[in-house]
Amino acid sequence: MLEIWLYAFSIMYSPGPVNLLSFNTGLNNKTNKNTGFFMGVSFAMFILFLSLSFLSHSVVQESVIPYISILGCAYMLFLSWKLFRSGLQPDTTSAAFSNLRFRDGLMLQLLNPKGLIACLPIVTIQFPALNIVGLKALIISIALSVFAFGAPLSYSLTGKLIGKRVSSTDFFRYFQLFMAFLLAYVAMKMAYTHIYLAWLHQA
């Protein structure tokens, strides 16, 4: 059982599009307003864990992952563009993602290849190895989704602590632009790994 939590921690709490956006909300002191976003991320993970654990690995073939990745990467690039534009406008730097909602977190995480990668090894390898099925699978899925809620929340709180120590408006603007480029980089890296290389392997 410990292996499940160690793996979940290593991938859920590592930098990714969801955690990067969450860090930005905290930096702009919007953690409380974006709790719904964190809940959306958590619920998306619950959907992934539960559906994959009951429907088995055969439902999500490797050949499907590139197509899910296309949607996810496109959505990340869209968010990166919004973040970039907000960084160019001094009076609205903190406004771009002050209203991330449950729906945003749900969509982003469901379309995030990292979310699928986090779930598949757990439900297809570790669940069967520990005989986690039925009600037990439901309980563990709930627990893991609650655990997933803590990832964006912790990044947001870290950003909030850093934001309190910085008073320069220019810092927030430049950091906003940096975050936009970083999010775009993550999207392109995911596109290369989960789309280009996957199709190259299938060819």
C-alpha atoms as a PDB file:
ATOM      1  CA  MET A   1       0.000   0.000   0.000  1.00  0.00           C
ATOM      2  CA  LEU A   2       2.870   2.377   0.766  1.00  0.00           C
ATOM      3  CA  GLU A   3       4.064   2.085  -2.836  1.00  0.00           C
ATOM      4  CA  ILE A   4       0.755   3.509  -4.064  1.00  0.00           C
ATOM      5  CA  TRP A   5       1.084   6.631  -1.930  1.00  0.00           C
ATOM      6  CA  LEU A   6       4.749   7.147  -2.746  1.00  0.00           C
ATOM      7  CA  TYR A   7       4.053   6.919  -6.464  1.00  0.00           C
ATOM      8  CA  ALA A   8       0.993   9.185  -6.193  1.00  0.00           C
ATOM      9  CA  PHE A   9       3.003  11.772  -4.259  1.00  0.00           C
ATOM     10  CA  SER A  10       5.921  11.714  -6.688  1.00  0.00           C
ATOM     11  CA  ILE A  11       3.759  12.433  -9.718  1.00  0.00           C
ATOM     12  CA  MET A  12       0.911  14.520  -8.257  1.00  0.00           C
ATOM     13  CA  TYR A  13       3.168  16.892  -6.349  1.00  0.00           C
ATOM     14  CA  SER A  14       5.767  17.392  -9.076  1.00  0.00           C
ATOM     15  CA  PRO A  15       5.574  20.553 -11.250  1.00  0.00           C
ATOM     16  CA  GLY A  16       2.966  20.338 -13.972  1.00  0.00           C
ATOM     17  CA  PRO A  17       0.336  22.561 -15.644  1.00  0.00           C
ATOM     18  CA  VAL A  18      -2.159  22.305 -12.784  1.00  0.00           C
ATOM     19  CA  ASN A  19       0.440  22.990 -10.097  1.00  0.00           C
ATOM     20  CA  LEU A  20       1.989  25.852 -12.088  1.00  0.00           C
ATOM     21  CA  LEU A  21      -1.365  27.600 -12.410  1.00  0.00           C
ATOM     22  CA  SER A  22      -2.051  26.987  -8.736  1.00  0.00           C
ATOM     23  CA  PHE A  23       1.286  28.530  -7.785  1.00  0.00           C
ATOM     24  CA  ASN A  24       0.339  31.578  -9.829  1.00  0.00           C
ATOM     25  CA  THR A  25      -3.011  31.953  -8.048  1.00  0.00           C
ATOM     26  CA  GLY A  26      -1.217  31.954  -4.711  1.00  0.00           C
ATOM     27  CA  LEU A  27       1.377  34.450  -5.911  1.00  0.00           C
ATOM     28  CA  ASN A  28      -1.484  36.805  -6.762  1.00  0.00           C
ATOM     29  CA  ASN A  29      -3.108  36.148  -3.358  1.00  0.00           C
ATOM     30  CA  LYS A  30      -6.122  34.346  -4.861  1.00  0.00           C
ATOM     31  CA  THR A  31      -5.849  31.001  -3.074  1.00  0.00           C
ATOM     32  CA  ASN A  32      -9.205  31.270  -1.319  1.00  0.00           C
ATOM     33  CA  LYS A  33     -11.025  32.329  -4.489  1.00  0.00           C
ATOM     34  CA  ASN A  34      -9.686  29.336  -6.400  1.00  0.00           C
ATOM     35  CA  THR A  35     -10.634  26.560  -3.981  1.00  0.00           C
ATOM     36  CA  GLY A  36     -13.194  25.393  -6.539  1.00  0.00           C
ATOM     37  CA  PHE A  37     -10.378  24.910  -9.045  1.00  0.00           C
ATOM     38  CA  PHE A  38      -8.526  22.634  -6.616  1.00  0.00           C
ATOM     39  CA  MET A  39     -11.742  20.695  -5.995  1.00  0.00           C
ATOM     40  CA  GLY A  40     -12.220  20.290  -9.750  1.00  0.00           C
ATOM     41  CA  VAL A  41      -8.738  18.805 -10.020  1.00  0.00           C
ATOM     42  CA  SER A  42      -9.498  16.451  -7.140  1.00  0.00           C
ATOM     43  CA  PHE A  43     -12.818  15.336  -8.633  1.00  0.00           C
ATOM     44  CA  ALA A  44     -11.180  14.727 -12.018  1.00  0.00           C
ATOM     45  CA  MET A  45      -8.684  12.410 -10.348  1.00  0.00           C
ATOM     46  CA  PHE A  46     -11.555  10.616  -8.594  1.00  0.00           C
ATOM     47  CA  ILE A  47     -13.275  10.075 -11.950  1.00  0.00           C
ATOM     48  CA  LEU A  48     -10.059   8.742 -13.488  1.00  0.00           C
ATOM     49  CA  PHE A  49      -9.223   6.434 -10.590  1.00  0.00           C
ATOM     50  CA  LEU A  50     -12.726   5.058 -10.222  1.00  0.00           C
ATOM     51  CA  SER A  51     -13.502   4.598 -13.912  1.00  0.00           C
ATOM     52  CA  LEU A  52     -10.167   2.951 -14.666  1.00  0.00           C
ATOM     53  CA  SER A  53     -10.325   0.696 -11.617  1.00  0.00           C
ATOM     54  CA  PHE A  54     -13.793  -0.596 -12.540  1.00  0.00           C
ATOM     55  CA  LEU A  55     -13.523  -0.570 -16.314  1.00  0.00           C
ATOM     56  CA  SER A  56      -9.952  -1.889 -16.420  1.00  0.00           C
ATOM     57  CA  HIS A  57      -6.948  -0.911 -18.525  1.00  0.00           C
ATOM     58  CA  SER A  58      -8.583  -2.197 -21.713  1.00  0.00           C
ATOM     59  CA  VAL A  59     -10.803   0.888 -21.830  1.00  0.00           C
ATOM     60  CA  VAL A  60      -7.835   3.237 -22.261  1.00  0.00           C
ATOM     61  CA  GLN A  61      -5.537   1.726 -24.847  1.00  0.00           C
ATOM     62  CA  GLU A  62      -2.143   3.323 -25.453  1.00  0.00           C
ATOM     63  CA  SER A  63      -3.335   4.315 -28.915  1.00  0.00           C
ATOM     64  CA  VAL A  64      -5.962   6.623 -27.356  1.00  0.00           C
ATOM     65  CA  ILE A  65      -3.545   8.577 -25.140  1.00  0.00           C
ATOM     66  CA  PRO A  66      -2.092  10.729 -27.985  1.00  0.00           C
ATOM     67  CA  TYR A  67      -5.579  11.992 -28.890  1.00  0.00           C
ATOM     68  CA  ILE A  68      -6.341  12.874 -25.273  1.00  0.00           C
ATOM     69  CA  SER A  69      -2.946  14.570 -25.167  1.00  0.00           C
ATOM     70  CA  ILE A  70      -3.783  16.732 -28.194  1.00  0.00           C
ATOM     71  CA  LEU A  71      -6.804  18.175 -26.391  1.00  0.00           C
ATOM     72  CA  GLY A  72      -4.870  18.602 -23.148  1.00  0.00           C
ATOM     73  CA  CYS A  73      -1.871  20.327 -24.759  1.00  0.00           C
ATOM     74  CA  ALA A  74      -4.126  22.629 -26.783  1.00  0.00           C
ATOM     75  CA  TYR A  75      -5.954  23.647 -23.600  1.00  0.00           C
ATOM     76  CA  MET A  76      -2.648  24.281 -21.808  1.00  0.00           C
ATOM     77  CA  LEU A  77      -1.426  26.479 -24.674  1.00  0.00           C
ATOM     78  CA  PHE A  78      -4.692  28.419 -24.502  1.00  0.00           C
ATOM     79  CA  LEU A  79      -4.164  29.037 -20.776  1.00  0.00           C
ATOM     80  CA  SER A  80      -0.538  30.005 -21.449  1.00  0.00           C
ATOM     81  CA  TRP A  81      -1.691  32.596 -23.980  1.00  0.00           C
ATOM     82  CA  LYS A  82      -4.166  34.079 -21.502  1.00  0.00           C
ATOM     83  CA  LEU A  83      -1.441  34.217 -18.874  1.00  0.00           C
ATOM     84  CA  PHE A  84       0.962  35.868 -21.333  1.00  0.00           C
ATOM     85  CA  ARG A  85      -1.565  38.535 -22.320  1.00  0.00           C
ATOM     86  CA  SER A  86      -2.338  39.334 -18.696  1.00  0.00           C
ATOM     87  CA  GLY A  87       1.383  39.767 -18.006  1.00  0.00           C
ATOM     88  CA  LEU A  88       1.553  42.438 -20.707  1.00  0.00           C
ATOM     89  CA  GLN A  89      -1.154  44.488 -18.990  1.00  0.00           C
ATOM     90  CA  PRO A  90       0.101  46.111 -15.761  1.00  0.00           C
ATOM     91  CA  ASP A  91      -3.362  46.838 -14.373  1.00  0.00           C
ATOM     92  CA  THR A  92      -4.711  43.311 -14.788  1.00  0.00           C
ATOM     93  CA  THR A  93      -1.744  41.141 -13.903  1.00  0.00           C
ATOM     94  CA  SER A  94      -3.508  39.468 -11.002  1.00  0.00           C
ATOM     95  CA  ALA A  95      -6.902  39.299 -12.690  1.00  0.00           C
ATOM     96  CA  ALA A  96      -6.269  36.711 -15.409  1.00  0.00           C
ATOM     97  CA  PHE A  97      -6.661  33.677 -13.174  1.00  0.00           C
ATOM     98  CA  SER A  98      -8.427  35.168 -10.180  1.00  0.00           C
ATOM     99  CA  ASN A  99     -11.589  33.272 -11.084  1.00  0.00           C
ATOM    100  CA  LEU A 100     -10.443  29.750 -11.882  1.00  0.00           C
ATOM    101  CA  ARG A 101     -13.396  27.540 -11.113  1.00  0.00           C
ATOM    102  CA  PHE A 102     -14.354  23.937 -10.508  1.00  0.00           C
ATOM    103  CA  ARG A 103     -15.006  23.441 -14.218  1.00  0.00           C
ATOM    104  CA  ASP A 104     -11.531  24.719 -15.128  1.00  0.00           C
ATOM    105  CA  GLY A 105      -9.822  22.316 -12.745  1.00  0.00           C
ATOM    106  CA  LEU A 106     -11.991  19.421 -13.891  1.00  0.00           C
ATOM    107  CA  MET A 107     -11.351  20.032 -17.605  1.00  0.00           C
ATOM    108  CA  LEU A 108      -7.643  20.687 -17.244  1.00  0.00           C
ATOM    109  CA  GLN A 109      -6.990  17.573 -15.180  1.00  0.00           C
ATOM    110  CA  LEU A 110      -9.169  15.272 -17.288  1.00  0.00           C
ATOM    111  CA  LEU A 111      -7.300  16.439 -20.401  1.00  0.00           C
ATOM    112  CA  ASN A 112      -3.918  16.403 -18.678  1.00  0.00           C
ATOM    113  CA  PRO A 113      -1.801  13.417 -19.803  1.00  0.00           C
ATOM    114  CA  LYS A 114      -0.043  13.581 -16.444  1.00  0.00           C
ATOM    115  CA  GLY A 115      -3.316  12.764 -14.668  1.00  0.00           C
ATOM    116  CA  LEU A 116      -3.833   9.675 -16.794  1.00  0.00           C
ATOM    117  CA  ILE A 117      -0.225   8.620 -16.281  1.00  0.00           C
ATOM    118  CA  ALA A 118      -0.687   8.996 -12.533  1.00  0.00           C
ATOM    119  CA  CYS A 119      -3.729   6.727 -12.516  1.00  0.00           C
ATOM    120  CA  LEU A 120      -2.884   3.945 -14.954  1.00  0.00           C
ATOM    121  CA  PRO A 121       0.006   2.262 -13.089  1.00  0.00           C
ATOM    122  CA  ILE A 122      -1.908   2.423  -9.820  1.00  0.00           C
ATOM    123  CA  VAL A 123      -5.166   0.905 -11.051  1.00  0.00           C
ATOM    124  CA  THR A 124      -3.692  -1.569 -13.550  1.00  0.00           C
ATOM    125  CA  ILE A 125      -0.690  -2.831 -11.558  1.00  0.00           C
ATOM    126  CA  GLN A 126      -0.852  -1.888  -7.894  1.00  0.00           C
ATOM    127  CA  PHE A 127      -4.601  -2.324  -7.356  1.00  0.00           C
ATOM    128  CA  PRO A 128      -4.669  -5.916  -8.729  1.00  0.00           C
ATOM    129  CA  ALA A 129      -1.448  -6.790  -6.876  1.00  0.00           C
ATOM    130  CA  LEU A 130      -3.058  -5.800  -3.574  1.00  0.00           C
ATOM    131  CA  ASN A 131      -6.474  -7.224  -4.514  1.00  0.00           C
ATOM    132  CA  ILE A 132      -8.079  -3.775  -4.330  1.00  0.00           C
ATOM    133  CA  VAL A 133     -11.487  -4.218  -5.975  1.00  0.00           C
ATOM    134  CA  GLY A 134     -15.103  -3.190  -5.480  1.00  0.00           C
ATOM    135  CA  LEU A 135     -15.821  -1.119  -2.370  1.00  0.00           C
ATOM    136  CA  LYS A 136     -12.155  -1.089  -1.415  1.00  0.00           C
ATOM    137  CA  ALA A 137     -11.281   0.412  -4.805  1.00  0.00           C
ATOM    138  CA  LEU A 138     -13.928   3.081  -4.256  1.00  0.00           C
ATOM    139  CA  ILE A 139     -12.543   3.996  -0.821  1.00  0.00           C
ATOM    140  CA  ILE A 140      -8.939   4.139  -2.054  1.00  0.00           C
ATOM    141  CA  SER A 141     -10.005   6.211  -5.075  1.00  0.00           C
ATOM    142  CA  ILE A 142     -11.693   8.726  -2.769  1.00  0.00           C
ATOM    143  CA  ALA A 143      -8.606   8.860  -0.555  1.00  0.00           C
ATOM    144  CA  LEU A 144      -6.304   9.380  -3.545  1.00  0.00           C
ATOM    145  CA  SER A 145      -8.512  12.133  -4.946  1.00  0.00           C
ATOM    146  CA  VAL A 146      -8.418  13.933  -1.585  1.00  0.00           C
ATOM    147  CA  PHE A 147      -4.639  13.491  -1.662  1.00  0.00           C
ATOM    148  CA  ALA A 148      -4.654  15.047  -5.147  1.00  0.00           C
ATOM    149  CA  PHE A 149      -6.501  18.099  -3.779  1.00  0.00           C
ATOM    150  CA  GLY A 150      -3.471  18.869  -1.626  1.00  0.00           C
ATOM    151  CA  ALA A 151      -1.100  19.188  -4.592  1.00  0.00           C
ATOM    152  CA  PRO A 152      -2.473  22.379  -6.212  1.00  0.00           C
ATOM    153  CA  LEU A 153      -3.384  23.740  -2.781  1.00  0.00           C
ATOM    154  CA  SER A 154       0.197  23.354  -1.512  1.00  0.00           C
ATOM    155  CA  TYR A 155       1.580  25.078  -4.621  1.00  0.00           C
ATOM    156  CA  SER A 156      -0.909  27.910  -4.223  1.00  0.00           C
ATOM    157  CA  LEU A 157      -0.030  28.381  -0.554  1.00  0.00           C
ATOM    158  CA  THR A 158       3.676  28.416  -1.443  1.00  0.00           C
ATOM    159  CA  GLY A 159       3.018  31.090  -4.039  1.00  0.00           C
ATOM    160  CA  LYS A 160       1.036  33.071  -1.484  1.00  0.00           C
ATOM    161  CA  LEU A 161       3.943  33.016   0.984  1.00  0.00           C
ATOM    162  CA  ILE A 162       6.348  34.231  -1.694  1.00  0.00           C
ATOM    163  CA  GLY A 163       3.888  36.879  -2.891  1.00  0.00           C
ATOM    164  CA  LYS A 164       3.626  38.384   0.585  1.00  0.00           C
ATOM    165  CA  ARG A 165       7.377  38.997   0.597  1.00  0.00           C
ATOM    166  CA  VAL A 166       7.402  40.811  -2.729  1.00  0.00           C
ATOM    167  CA  SER A 167       5.889  44.256  -3.239  1.00  0.00           C
ATOM    168  CA  SER A 168       7.204  45.147  -6.712  1.00  0.00           C
ATOM    169  CA  THR A 169       4.501  45.255  -9.395  1.00  0.00           C
ATOM    170  CA  ASP A 170       7.118  44.618 -12.080  1.00  0.00           C
ATOM    171  CA  PHE A 171       8.091  41.354 -10.384  1.00  0.00           C
ATOM    172  CA  PHE A 172       4.545  40.034 -10.686  1.00  0.00           C
ATOM    173  CA  ARG A 173       4.327  41.070 -14.329  1.00  0.00           C
ATOM    174  CA  TYR A 174       7.624  39.452 -15.287  1.00  0.00           C
ATOM    175  CA  PHE A 175       6.855  36.349 -13.275  1.00  0.00           C
ATOM    176  CA  GLN A 176       3.475  36.131 -14.992  1.00  0.00           C
ATOM    177  CA  LEU A 177       5.238  36.157 -18.368  1.00  0.00           C
ATOM    178  CA  PHE A 178       7.727  33.569 -17.130  1.00  0.00           C
ATOM    179  CA  MET A 179       4.886  31.328 -15.975  1.00  0.00           C
ATOM    180  CA  ALA A 180       3.215  31.677 -19.370  1.00  0.00           C
ATOM    181  CA  PHE A 181       6.366  30.520 -21.162  1.00  0.00           C
ATOM    182  CA  LEU A 182       6.875  27.728 -18.638  1.00  0.00           C
ATOM    183  CA  LEU A 183       3.322  26.466 -19.114  1.00  0.00           C
ATOM    184  CA  ALA A 184       3.787  26.554 -22.894  1.00  0.00           C
ATOM    185  CA  TYR A 185       7.045  24.609 -22.496  1.00  0.00           C
ATOM    186  CA  VAL A 186       5.272  21.948 -20.412  1.00  0.00           C
ATOM    187  CA  ALA A 187       2.556  21.666 -23.064  1.00  0.00           C
ATOM    188  CA  MET A 188       5.096  21.299 -25.874  1.00  0.00           C
ATOM    189  CA  LYS A 189       7.128  18.755 -23.911  1.00  0.00           C
ATOM    190  CA  MET A 190       4.005  16.714 -23.277  1.00  0.00           C
ATOM    191  CA  ALA A 191       3.084  16.991 -26.956  1.00  0.00           C
ATOM    192  CA  TYR A 192       6.516  15.681 -27.941  1.00  0.00           C
ATOM    193  CA  THR A 193       6.433  12.805 -25.443  1.00  0.00           C
ATOM    194  CA  HIS A 194       2.808  11.712 -25.586  1.00  0.00           C
ATOM    195  CA  ILE A 195       1.899  12.608 -29.175  1.00  0.00           C
ATOM    196  CA  TYR A 196       4.936  12.690 -31.466  1.00  0.00           C
ATOM    197  CA  LEU A 197       6.913   9.847 -29.867  1.00  0.00           C
ATOM    198  CA  ALA A 198       3.758   7.772 -29.347  1.00  0.00           C
ATOM    199  CA  TRP A 199       2.808   8.026 -33.021  1.00  0.00           C
ATOM    200  CA  LEU A 200       6.419   7.398 -34.034  1.00  0.00           C
ATOM    201  CA  HIS A 201       6.390   4.228 -31.918  1.00  0.00           C
ATOM    202  CA  GLN A 202       3.086   3.076 -33.454  1.00  0.00           C
ATOM    203  CA  ALA A 203       4.303   3.687 -37.036  1.00  0.00           C
END
